[in-house]
Amino acid sequence: MNSPKSLEALCISDQASRLVDIWHEERVRENALCPQKASLSMVKLKTILPYIYLSKWEGTDALVLQISGTQLDAWLGKNLAGIDLLSLFQGDEIQKNVDFYQSIRTKPCAGKVTRRRVTLETNLQFDYTTIQLPLFNAEGQVSHIIGVGHQAMDAYDQTKPVSTDFSKTVANYLEHIDIGAGI
């Protein structure tokens, strides 16, 4: 890993480590707190694309998934591209998630989330973890969040569909990571 020690908490998998390194290299090259979305190279991201998601802020109230990698789709049971991430949650999870993602946008900072899901056929619970890294637009404001997902349970049977009912998903771990702006 070539990134600063403060970002090590985001390295939940080889794919996450690669994304953190690419993100950090770009911000150093740009001499900025966050790299611009336009500066990310698909060539550099190619090997980890199945694990990547990219979301875009539409105003301040909607965080729409633009890209959902094929491996993430398999774990989640469907492709979530085009869906407002903040609209997926129910009950107590709504405000917790809105506050979490808003902090990434406004501080800015990075994030790490572990969520618990339940498969439909086996009722087996499994955890998956995502990391979130902010991306600037040309004006220096966070316009996008790029991240990587990681399945946290090796025994999960990918042939069994998972519930796409996010009311059964609980964020049991939310963490903000300082990228240099404080948290």
N, C-alpha and C. Protein backbone atom coordinates (compact mmCIF):
# COMPACT_ATOMS: atom_id res chain seq x y z
N MET A 1 0.84 -1.18 0.00
CA MET A 1 0.00 0.00 0.00
C MET A 1 0.88 1.24 0.00
N ASN A 2 0.57 2.18 -0.87
CA ASN A 2 1.37 3.39 -1.00
C ASN A 2 0.69 4.59 -0.36
N SER A 3 -0.44 4.41 0.25
CA SER A 3 -1.22 5.51 0.82
C SER A 3 -0.82 5.76 2.27
N PRO A 4 -1.17 6.93 2.81
CA PRO A 4 -0.84 7.23 4.20
C PRO A 4 -1.49 6.27 5.19
N LYS A 5 -0.89 6.16 6.36
CA LYS A 5 -1.38 5.26 7.41
C LYS A 5 -2.83 5.54 7.77
N SER A 6 -3.27 6.80 7.71
CA SER A 6 -4.64 7.13 8.08
C SER A 6 -5.67 6.45 7.18
N LEU A 7 -5.26 6.04 5.98
CA LEU A 7 -6.18 5.39 5.06
C LEU A 7 -6.15 3.86 5.14
N GLU A 8 -5.27 3.30 5.97
CA GLU A 8 -5.15 1.85 6.06
C GLU A 8 -6.45 1.17 6.49
N ALA A 9 -7.27 1.85 7.30
CA ALA A 9 -8.54 1.26 7.76
C ALA A 9 -9.47 0.96 6.60
N LEU A 10 -9.25 1.60 5.45
CA LEU A 10 -10.10 1.38 4.29
C LEU A 10 -9.69 0.15 3.49
N CYS A 11 -8.56 -0.42 3.78
CA CYS A 11 -8.02 -1.51 2.97
C CYS A 11 -8.56 -2.85 3.44
N ILE A 12 -9.83 -3.09 3.13
CA ILE A 12 -10.56 -4.28 3.58
C ILE A 12 -10.35 -5.47 2.67
N SER A 13 -9.74 -5.23 1.49
CA SER A 13 -9.50 -6.28 0.51
C SER A 13 -8.41 -5.79 -0.44
N ASP A 14 -7.93 -6.67 -1.29
CA ASP A 14 -6.94 -6.27 -2.30
C ASP A 14 -7.52 -5.20 -3.22
N GLN A 15 -8.80 -5.35 -3.57
CA GLN A 15 -9.45 -4.38 -4.45
C GLN A 15 -9.57 -3.02 -3.78
N ALA A 16 -9.91 -3.01 -2.50
CA ALA A 16 -10.01 -1.76 -1.77
C ALA A 16 -8.64 -1.09 -1.65
N SER A 17 -7.61 -1.88 -1.38
CA SER A 17 -6.25 -1.32 -1.30
C SER A 17 -5.87 -0.68 -2.62
N ARG A 18 -6.20 -1.33 -3.72
CA ARG A 18 -5.88 -0.78 -5.04
C ARG A 18 -6.64 0.52 -5.28
N LEU A 19 -7.92 0.56 -4.94
CA LEU A 19 -8.69 1.80 -5.13
C LEU A 19 -8.12 2.93 -4.26
N VAL A 20 -7.81 2.63 -3.01
CA VAL A 20 -7.25 3.65 -2.12
C VAL A 20 -5.94 4.19 -2.70
N ASP A 21 -5.09 3.30 -3.21
CA ASP A 21 -3.83 3.74 -3.81
C ASP A 21 -4.06 4.64 -5.02
N ILE A 22 -4.97 4.25 -5.91
CA ILE A 22 -5.28 5.05 -7.10
C ILE A 22 -5.83 6.41 -6.68
N TRP A 23 -6.76 6.42 -5.75
CA TRP A 23 -7.38 7.65 -5.25
C TRP A 23 -6.31 8.57 -4.66
N HIS A 24 -5.43 7.99 -3.82
CA HIS A 24 -4.39 8.78 -3.17
C HIS A 24 -3.38 9.31 -4.20
N GLU A 25 -2.96 8.49 -5.15
CA GLU A 25 -2.02 8.94 -6.19
C GLU A 25 -2.58 10.13 -6.96
N GLU A 26 -3.88 10.09 -7.27
CA GLU A 26 -4.50 11.19 -8.01
C GLU A 26 -4.58 12.46 -7.18
N ARG A 27 -4.91 12.33 -5.90
CA ARG A 27 -4.98 13.54 -5.08
C ARG A 27 -3.61 14.16 -4.87
N VAL A 28 -2.56 13.34 -4.78
CA VAL A 28 -1.20 13.87 -4.68
C VAL A 28 -0.83 14.57 -5.98
N ARG A 29 -1.13 13.92 -7.11
CA ARG A 29 -0.83 14.51 -8.42
C ARG A 29 -1.53 15.85 -8.59
N GLU A 30 -2.77 15.95 -8.11
CA GLU A 30 -3.56 17.17 -8.22
C GLU A 30 -3.29 18.17 -7.09
N ASN A 31 -2.52 17.73 -6.07
CA ASN A 31 -2.26 18.55 -4.89
C ASN A 31 -3.57 19.05 -4.28
N ALA A 32 -4.47 18.10 -4.04
CA ALA A 32 -5.81 18.42 -3.54
C ALA A 32 -6.19 17.45 -2.43
N LEU A 33 -7.18 17.82 -1.64
CA LEU A 33 -7.69 16.96 -0.59
C LEU A 33 -8.33 15.69 -1.17
N CYS A 34 -9.03 15.86 -2.29
CA CYS A 34 -9.66 14.75 -3.01
C CYS A 34 -9.34 14.90 -4.49
N PRO A 35 -9.22 13.79 -5.20
CA PRO A 35 -9.05 13.92 -6.65
C PRO A 35 -10.38 14.29 -7.31
N GLN A 36 -10.28 14.83 -8.51
CA GLN A 36 -11.49 15.10 -9.28
C GLN A 36 -11.97 13.80 -9.93
N LYS A 37 -13.27 13.67 -10.04
CA LYS A 37 -13.84 12.48 -10.68
C LYS A 37 -13.30 12.34 -12.09
N ALA A 38 -13.16 13.46 -12.79
CA ALA A 38 -12.71 13.44 -14.19
C ALA A 38 -11.29 12.90 -14.33
N SER A 39 -10.51 12.90 -13.27
CA SER A 39 -9.12 12.47 -13.37
C SER A 39 -8.93 10.97 -13.16
N LEU A 40 -9.97 10.27 -12.73
CA LEU A 40 -9.83 8.83 -12.51
C LEU A 40 -9.74 8.09 -13.84
N SER A 41 -8.76 7.25 -13.96
CA SER A 41 -8.51 6.51 -15.19
C SER A 41 -9.17 5.14 -15.15
N MET A 42 -10.03 4.87 -16.11
CA MET A 42 -10.65 3.53 -16.20
C MET A 42 -9.60 2.46 -16.45
N VAL A 43 -8.51 2.81 -17.10
CA VAL A 43 -7.43 1.85 -17.34
C VAL A 43 -6.85 1.40 -15.98
N LYS A 44 -6.63 2.35 -15.08
CA LYS A 44 -6.11 2.01 -13.76
C LYS A 44 -7.12 1.21 -12.94
N LEU A 45 -8.41 1.50 -13.13
CA LEU A 45 -9.46 0.84 -12.35
C LEU A 45 -9.91 -0.50 -12.93
N LYS A 46 -9.47 -0.81 -14.13
CA LYS A 46 -9.99 -1.96 -14.89
C LYS A 46 -10.02 -3.27 -14.09
N THR A 47 -8.95 -3.58 -13.39
CA THR A 47 -8.89 -4.87 -12.70
C THR A 47 -9.82 -4.97 -11.49
N ILE A 48 -10.30 -3.83 -11.00
CA ILE A 48 -11.16 -3.86 -9.81
C ILE A 48 -12.59 -3.40 -10.12
N LEU A 49 -12.91 -3.16 -11.39
CA LEU A 49 -14.25 -2.68 -11.75
C LEU A 49 -15.39 -3.56 -11.24
N PRO A 50 -15.27 -4.89 -11.20
CA PRO A 50 -16.40 -5.68 -10.68
C PRO A 50 -16.75 -5.37 -9.22
N TYR A 51 -15.83 -4.77 -8.48
CA TYR A 51 -16.03 -4.49 -7.06
C TYR A 51 -16.34 -3.03 -6.77
N ILE A 52 -16.35 -2.20 -7.80
CA ILE A 52 -16.49 -0.75 -7.63
C ILE A 52 -17.94 -0.31 -7.79
N TYR A 53 -18.28 0.72 -7.02
CA TYR A 53 -19.52 1.45 -7.28
C TYR A 53 -19.18 2.93 -7.31
N LEU A 54 -19.97 3.67 -8.06
CA LEU A 54 -19.80 5.11 -8.17
C LEU A 54 -21.17 5.74 -8.00
N SER A 55 -21.27 6.66 -7.07
CA SER A 55 -22.53 7.35 -6.84
C SER A 55 -22.32 8.85 -7.03
N LYS A 56 -23.40 9.53 -7.42
CA LYS A 56 -23.33 10.96 -7.70
C LYS A 56 -24.39 11.68 -6.88
N TRP A 57 -23.96 12.80 -6.26
CA TRP A 57 -24.91 13.63 -5.54
C TRP A 57 -25.76 14.39 -6.55
N GLU A 58 -27.06 14.27 -6.42
CA GLU A 58 -28.00 15.06 -7.21
C GLU A 58 -28.67 16.00 -6.23
N GLY A 59 -28.19 17.25 -6.21
CA GLY A 59 -28.59 18.17 -5.17
C GLY A 59 -27.92 17.75 -3.88
N THR A 60 -28.59 17.97 -2.77
CA THR A 60 -28.02 17.57 -1.47
C THR A 60 -28.80 16.43 -0.83
N ASP A 61 -29.86 15.99 -1.49
CA ASP A 61 -30.73 14.98 -0.87
C ASP A 61 -30.75 13.63 -1.55
N ALA A 62 -30.10 13.49 -2.70
CA ALA A 62 -30.12 12.22 -3.42
C ALA A 62 -28.71 11.81 -3.79
N LEU A 63 -28.37 10.56 -3.52
CA LEU A 63 -27.07 9.98 -3.85
C LEU A 63 -27.34 8.80 -4.77
N VAL A 64 -27.28 9.05 -6.08
CA VAL A 64 -27.71 8.07 -7.08
C VAL A 64 -26.52 7.23 -7.54
N LEU A 65 -26.71 5.92 -7.48
CA LEU A 65 -25.67 5.01 -7.95
C LEU A 65 -25.60 5.06 -9.47
N GLN A 66 -24.44 5.39 -10.00
CA GLN A 66 -24.25 5.43 -11.44
C GLN A 66 -23.67 4.12 -11.95
N ILE A 67 -22.76 3.54 -11.18
CA ILE A 67 -22.11 2.29 -11.56
C ILE A 67 -22.18 1.34 -10.37
N SER A 68 -22.55 0.11 -10.65
CA SER A 68 -22.53 -0.94 -9.64
C SER A 68 -21.83 -2.14 -10.27
N GLY A 69 -20.66 -2.49 -9.75
CA GLY A 69 -19.86 -3.58 -10.32
C GLY A 69 -20.57 -4.91 -10.29
N THR A 70 -20.21 -5.78 -11.21
CA THR A 70 -20.89 -7.07 -11.35
C THR A 70 -20.75 -7.95 -10.12
N GLN A 71 -19.63 -7.88 -9.43
CA GLN A 71 -19.48 -8.69 -8.21
C GLN A 71 -20.37 -8.15 -7.11
N LEU A 72 -20.48 -6.83 -7.01
CA LEU A 72 -21.39 -6.23 -6.02
C LEU A 72 -22.83 -6.63 -6.32
N ASP A 73 -23.20 -6.61 -7.60
CA ASP A 73 -24.55 -7.00 -8.00
C ASP A 73 -24.85 -8.43 -7.56
N ALA A 74 -23.87 -9.32 -7.73
CA ALA A 74 -24.07 -10.72 -7.33
C ALA A 74 -24.30 -10.82 -5.83
N TRP A 75 -23.54 -10.09 -5.04
CA TRP A 75 -23.69 -10.14 -3.59
C TRP A 75 -25.01 -9.54 -3.14
N LEU A 76 -25.43 -8.47 -3.81
CA LEU A 76 -26.64 -7.77 -3.39
C LEU A 76 -27.92 -8.33 -4.00
N GLY A 77 -27.77 -9.15 -5.02
CA GLY A 77 -28.94 -9.79 -5.62
C GLY A 77 -29.55 -9.02 -6.77
N LYS A 78 -29.04 -7.83 -7.09
CA LYS A 78 -29.52 -7.08 -8.24
C LYS A 78 -28.61 -5.89 -8.49
N ASN A 79 -28.71 -5.33 -9.68
CA ASN A 79 -27.96 -4.14 -10.03
C ASN A 79 -28.71 -2.93 -9.49
N LEU A 80 -28.02 -2.10 -8.74
CA LEU A 80 -28.65 -0.94 -8.12
C LEU A 80 -28.38 0.36 -8.86
N ALA A 81 -27.72 0.29 -10.02
CA ALA A 81 -27.45 1.51 -10.78
C ALA A 81 -28.76 2.25 -11.07
N GLY A 82 -28.74 3.57 -10.87
CA GLY A 82 -29.91 4.40 -11.11
C GLY A 82 -30.77 4.61 -9.88
N ILE A 83 -30.47 3.94 -8.79
CA ILE A 83 -31.27 4.03 -7.57
C ILE A 83 -30.64 5.03 -6.60
N ASP A 84 -31.46 5.83 -5.95
CA ASP A 84 -30.99 6.74 -4.91
C ASP A 84 -30.64 5.90 -3.69
N LEU A 85 -29.38 5.83 -3.37
CA LEU A 85 -28.91 5.03 -2.25
C LEU A 85 -29.62 5.41 -0.95
N LEU A 86 -29.88 6.69 -0.76
CA LEU A 86 -30.48 7.15 0.49
C LEU A 86 -31.95 6.77 0.62
N SER A 87 -32.58 6.35 -0.48
CA SER A 87 -33.98 5.95 -0.43
C SER A 87 -34.17 4.46 -0.11
N LEU A 88 -33.09 3.73 0.02
CA LEU A 88 -33.18 2.29 0.23
C LEU A 88 -33.46 1.88 1.67
N PHE A 89 -33.25 2.78 2.59
CA PHE A 89 -33.28 2.41 3.99
C PHE A 89 -34.64 2.69 4.62
N GLN A 90 -34.91 1.97 5.70
CA GLN A 90 -36.19 2.05 6.39
C GLN A 90 -35.97 2.35 7.87
N GLY A 91 -36.96 2.92 8.50
CA GLY A 91 -36.96 3.10 9.95
C GLY A 91 -35.75 3.85 10.48
N ASP A 92 -35.13 3.27 11.53
CA ASP A 92 -33.98 3.88 12.18
C ASP A 92 -32.78 4.01 11.25
N GLU A 93 -32.74 3.20 10.21
CA GLU A 93 -31.59 3.21 9.30
C GLU A 93 -31.56 4.45 8.41
N ILE A 94 -32.70 5.10 8.20
CA ILE A 94 -32.76 6.24 7.28
C ILE A 94 -31.84 7.36 7.75
N GLN A 95 -32.09 7.91 8.92
CA GLN A 95 -31.32 9.08 9.36
C GLN A 95 -29.86 8.73 9.58
N LYS A 96 -29.60 7.54 10.10
CA LYS A 96 -28.22 7.11 10.33
C LYS A 96 -27.43 7.12 9.03
N ASN A 97 -28.01 6.62 7.96
CA ASN A 97 -27.33 6.56 6.67
C ASN A 97 -27.25 7.93 6.00
N VAL A 98 -28.32 8.71 6.08
CA VAL A 98 -28.30 10.07 5.51
C VAL A 98 -27.18 10.87 6.17
N ASP A 99 -27.10 10.85 7.48
CA ASP A 99 -26.06 11.60 8.19
C ASP A 99 -24.66 11.11 7.80
N PHE A 100 -24.51 9.81 7.69
CA PHE A 100 -23.21 9.24 7.35
C PHE A 100 -22.73 9.74 5.98
N TYR A 101 -23.59 9.60 4.97
CA TYR A 101 -23.18 10.00 3.61
C TYR A 101 -23.07 11.52 3.47
N GLN A 102 -23.91 12.26 4.16
CA GLN A 102 -23.80 13.72 4.13
C GLN A 102 -22.45 14.18 4.70
N SER A 103 -21.96 13.52 5.73
CA SER A 103 -20.66 13.88 6.29
C SER A 103 -19.54 13.66 5.29
N ILE A 104 -19.62 12.59 4.52
CA ILE A 104 -18.61 12.35 3.49
C ILE A 104 -18.61 13.50 2.49
N ARG A 105 -19.79 13.99 2.16
CA ARG A 105 -19.92 15.08 1.19
C ARG A 105 -19.46 16.41 1.78
N THR A 106 -19.84 16.72 3.00
CA THR A 106 -19.62 18.06 3.53
C THR A 106 -18.29 18.26 4.24
N LYS A 107 -17.65 17.24 4.79
CA LYS A 107 -16.42 17.44 5.55
C LYS A 107 -15.23 17.84 4.65
N PRO A 108 -14.83 17.16 3.64
CA PRO A 108 -15.12 15.78 3.26
C PRO A 108 -14.25 14.78 4.05
N CYS A 109 -14.71 13.54 4.05
CA CYS A 109 -13.97 12.47 4.70
C CYS A 109 -14.27 11.17 3.95
N ALA A 110 -13.56 10.12 4.31
CA ALA A 110 -13.83 8.80 3.75
C ALA A 110 -14.73 8.05 4.72
N GLY A 111 -15.22 6.89 4.30
CA GLY A 111 -16.09 6.12 5.16
C GLY A 111 -15.93 4.63 4.98
N LYS A 112 -16.38 3.89 5.99
CA LYS A 112 -16.40 2.43 5.94
C LYS A 112 -17.69 1.98 6.62
N VAL A 113 -18.42 1.07 5.96
CA VAL A 113 -19.70 0.57 6.48
C VAL A 113 -19.71 -0.95 6.39
N THR A 114 -20.17 -1.60 7.44
CA THR A 114 -20.48 -3.03 7.38
C THR A 114 -21.97 -3.18 7.58
N ARG A 115 -22.60 -3.90 6.66
CA ARG A 115 -24.04 -4.13 6.71
C ARG A 115 -24.31 -5.63 6.82
N ARG A 116 -25.39 -5.96 7.47
CA ARG A 116 -25.81 -7.35 7.59
C ARG A 116 -26.99 -7.58 6.65
N ARG A 117 -26.91 -8.63 5.86
CA ARG A 117 -27.97 -9.00 4.92
C ARG A 117 -28.46 -10.41 5.22
N VAL A 118 -29.58 -10.77 4.65
CA VAL A 118 -30.16 -12.10 4.84
C VAL A 118 -30.47 -12.67 3.46
N THR A 119 -30.07 -13.94 3.21
CA THR A 119 -30.41 -14.57 1.94
C THR A 119 -31.87 -15.00 1.97
N LEU A 120 -32.49 -15.07 0.81
CA LEU A 120 -33.91 -15.43 0.73
C LEU A 120 -34.16 -16.90 1.01
N GLU A 121 -33.42 -17.77 0.35
CA GLU A 121 -33.72 -19.20 0.45
C GLU A 121 -33.21 -19.85 1.72
N THR A 122 -32.04 -19.43 2.19
CA THR A 122 -31.44 -20.11 3.34
C THR A 122 -31.63 -19.35 4.64
N ASN A 123 -32.06 -18.10 4.57
CA ASN A 123 -32.17 -17.23 5.74
C ASN A 123 -30.83 -17.06 6.44
N LEU A 124 -29.75 -17.33 5.71
CA LEU A 124 -28.40 -17.19 6.23
C LEU A 124 -28.00 -15.72 6.24
N GLN A 125 -27.47 -15.28 7.35
CA GLN A 125 -27.01 -13.89 7.42
C GLN A 125 -25.57 -13.82 6.92
N PHE A 126 -25.24 -12.71 6.26
CA PHE A 126 -23.86 -12.47 5.91
C PHE A 126 -23.60 -10.97 5.98
N ASP A 127 -22.36 -10.63 6.19
CA ASP A 127 -21.97 -9.23 6.25
C ASP A 127 -21.22 -8.86 4.99
N TYR A 128 -21.40 -7.63 4.56
CA TYR A 128 -20.53 -7.09 3.52
C TYR A 128 -20.12 -5.69 3.93
N THR A 129 -18.93 -5.34 3.52
CA THR A 129 -18.35 -4.07 3.92
C THR A 129 -18.06 -3.25 2.67
N THR A 130 -18.32 -1.96 2.76
CA THR A 130 -18.00 -1.05 1.67
C THR A 130 -17.14 0.08 2.21
N ILE A 131 -16.31 0.62 1.32
CA ILE A 131 -15.58 1.83 1.65
C ILE A 131 -16.07 2.93 0.73
N GLN A 132 -15.95 4.16 1.19
CA GLN A 132 -16.41 5.31 0.43
C GLN A 132 -15.29 6.34 0.38
N LEU A 133 -14.99 6.83 -0.83
CA LEU A 133 -13.98 7.87 -1.02
C LEU A 133 -14.61 9.01 -1.81
N PRO A 134 -14.49 10.24 -1.32
CA PRO A 134 -15.10 11.37 -2.01
C PRO A 134 -14.31 11.78 -3.25
N LEU A 135 -15.02 12.30 -4.24
CA LEU A 135 -14.42 12.84 -5.46
C LEU A 135 -14.94 14.24 -5.69
N PHE A 136 -14.04 15.15 -6.05
CA PHE A 136 -14.42 16.53 -6.33
C PHE A 136 -14.91 16.70 -7.76
N ASN A 137 -15.72 17.74 -7.96
CA ASN A 137 -16.03 18.22 -9.31
C ASN A 137 -15.02 19.32 -9.64
N ALA A 138 -15.17 19.98 -10.76
CA ALA A 138 -14.23 21.02 -11.19
C ALA A 138 -14.20 22.21 -10.23
N GLU A 139 -15.27 22.41 -9.48
CA GLU A 139 -15.35 23.53 -8.53
C GLU A 139 -14.76 23.19 -7.15
N GLY A 140 -14.26 21.99 -6.97
CA GLY A 140 -13.68 21.60 -5.69
C GLY A 140 -14.69 21.19 -4.64
N GLN A 141 -15.88 20.78 -5.06
CA GLN A 141 -16.92 20.28 -4.16
C GLN A 141 -17.09 18.78 -4.38
N VAL A 142 -17.44 18.06 -3.33
CA VAL A 142 -17.67 16.62 -3.48
C VAL A 142 -18.94 16.42 -4.31
N SER A 143 -18.77 15.79 -5.46
CA SER A 143 -19.90 15.53 -6.36
C SER A 143 -20.20 14.04 -6.48
N HIS A 144 -19.20 13.21 -6.19
CA HIS A 144 -19.33 11.76 -6.34
C HIS A 144 -18.68 11.06 -5.15
N ILE A 145 -19.08 9.84 -4.95
CA ILE A 145 -18.43 8.94 -4.01
C ILE A 145 -18.11 7.67 -4.77
N ILE A 146 -16.85 7.26 -4.71
CA ILE A 146 -16.44 6.00 -5.32
C ILE A 146 -16.12 5.04 -4.19
N GLY A 147 -16.42 3.78 -4.40
CA GLY A 147 -16.15 2.82 -3.34
C GLY A 147 -15.97 1.42 -3.87
N VAL A 148 -15.63 0.55 -2.95
CA VAL A 148 -15.43 -0.87 -3.23
C VAL A 148 -16.21 -1.65 -2.19
N GLY A 149 -16.78 -2.77 -2.61
CA GLY A 149 -17.45 -3.65 -1.68
C GLY A 149 -16.66 -4.92 -1.46
N HIS A 150 -16.88 -5.53 -0.31
CA HIS A 150 -16.20 -6.78 0.05
C HIS A 150 -17.15 -7.64 0.86
N GLN A 151 -17.30 -8.88 0.43
CA GLN A 151 -18.11 -9.83 1.17
C GLN A 151 -17.33 -10.29 2.38
N ALA A 152 -17.90 -10.14 3.55
CA ALA A 152 -17.17 -10.41 4.79
C ALA A 152 -17.41 -11.81 5.34
N MET A 153 -18.07 -12.66 4.57
CA MET A 153 -18.31 -14.02 5.06
C MET A 153 -17.96 -15.00 3.94
N ASP A 154 -16.92 -15.76 4.12
CA ASP A 154 -16.44 -16.67 3.09
C ASP A 154 -17.43 -17.78 2.76
N ALA A 155 -18.28 -18.18 3.72
CA ALA A 155 -19.18 -19.30 3.51
C ALA A 155 -20.44 -18.93 2.75
N TYR A 156 -20.62 -17.69 2.38
CA TYR A 156 -21.83 -17.27 1.68
C TYR A 156 -21.96 -17.99 0.35
N ASP A 157 -23.08 -18.62 0.11
CA ASP A 157 -23.35 -19.35 -1.13
C ASP A 157 -23.91 -18.39 -2.16
N GLN A 158 -23.09 -18.04 -3.17
CA GLN A 158 -23.50 -17.07 -4.16
C GLN A 158 -24.58 -17.59 -5.11
N THR A 159 -24.89 -18.88 -5.05
CA THR A 159 -25.95 -19.41 -5.91
C THR A 159 -27.33 -19.13 -5.32
N LYS A 160 -27.38 -18.76 -4.04
CA LYS A 160 -28.65 -18.45 -3.39
C LYS A 160 -28.91 -16.95 -3.47
N PRO A 161 -30.10 -16.54 -3.88
CA PRO A 161 -30.37 -15.10 -3.97
C PRO A 161 -30.46 -14.46 -2.59
N VAL A 162 -30.04 -13.21 -2.53
CA VAL A 162 -30.17 -12.46 -1.29
C VAL A 162 -31.44 -11.64 -1.36
N SER A 163 -31.89 -11.20 -0.23
CA SER A 163 -33.07 -10.36 -0.17
C SER A 163 -32.73 -8.99 -0.74
N THR A 164 -33.56 -8.52 -1.64
CA THR A 164 -33.36 -7.16 -2.16
C THR A 164 -34.24 -6.18 -1.39
N ASP A 165 -34.82 -6.65 -0.31
CA ASP A 165 -35.59 -5.80 0.58
C ASP A 165 -34.62 -5.18 1.58
N PHE A 166 -34.27 -3.92 1.36
CA PHE A 166 -33.27 -3.29 2.20
C PHE A 166 -33.78 -2.97 3.60
N SER A 167 -35.07 -3.17 3.85
CA SER A 167 -35.56 -2.98 5.22
C SER A 167 -35.00 -4.07 6.12
N LYS A 168 -34.47 -5.13 5.53
CA LYS A 168 -33.87 -6.22 6.30
C LYS A 168 -32.36 -6.07 6.40
N THR A 169 -31.85 -4.92 5.97
CA THR A 169 -30.42 -4.64 6.02
C THR A 169 -30.14 -3.68 7.15
N VAL A 170 -29.16 -4.02 7.96
CA VAL A 170 -28.80 -3.18 9.10
C VAL A 170 -27.34 -2.76 8.96
N ALA A 171 -27.09 -1.48 9.09
CA ALA A 171 -25.72 -0.98 9.13
C ALA A 171 -25.22 -1.15 10.55
N ASN A 172 -24.46 -2.21 10.78
CA ASN A 172 -24.02 -2.46 12.15
C ASN A 172 -22.67 -1.84 12.44
N TYR A 173 -22.06 -1.18 11.48
CA TYR A 173 -20.79 -0.50 11.71
C TYR A 173 -20.64 0.63 10.70
N LEU A 174 -20.54 1.86 11.17
CA LEU A 174 -20.32 3.03 10.33
C LEU A 174 -19.12 3.78 10.89
N GLU A 175 -18.17 4.10 10.05
CA GLU A 175 -16.97 4.81 10.50
C GLU A 175 -16.56 5.85 9.48
N HIS A 176 -16.26 7.05 9.96
CA HIS A 176 -15.67 8.08 9.11
C HIS A 176 -14.15 8.03 9.29
N ILE A 177 -13.42 8.25 8.21
CA ILE A 177 -11.97 8.23 8.21
C ILE A 177 -11.47 9.59 7.76
N ASP A 178 -10.60 10.19 8.52
CA ASP A 178 -10.05 11.50 8.20
C ASP A 178 -9.12 11.41 6.99
N ILE A 179 -9.35 12.26 6.00
CA ILE A 179 -8.47 12.32 4.84
C ILE A 179 -7.65 13.60 4.82
N GLY A 180 -7.74 14.35 5.92
CA GLY A 180 -6.96 15.57 6.03
C GLY A 180 -7.78 16.81 6.34
N ALA A 181 -9.10 16.70 6.36
CA ALA A 181 -9.96 17.84 6.64
C ALA A 181 -10.57 17.78 8.04
N GLY A 182 -10.21 16.74 8.80
CA GLY A 182 -10.82 16.53 10.11
C GLY A 182 -12.14 15.81 9.96
N ILE A 183 -12.65 15.30 11.08
CA ILE A 183 -13.97 14.66 11.04
C ILE A 183 -14.81 15.06 12.23
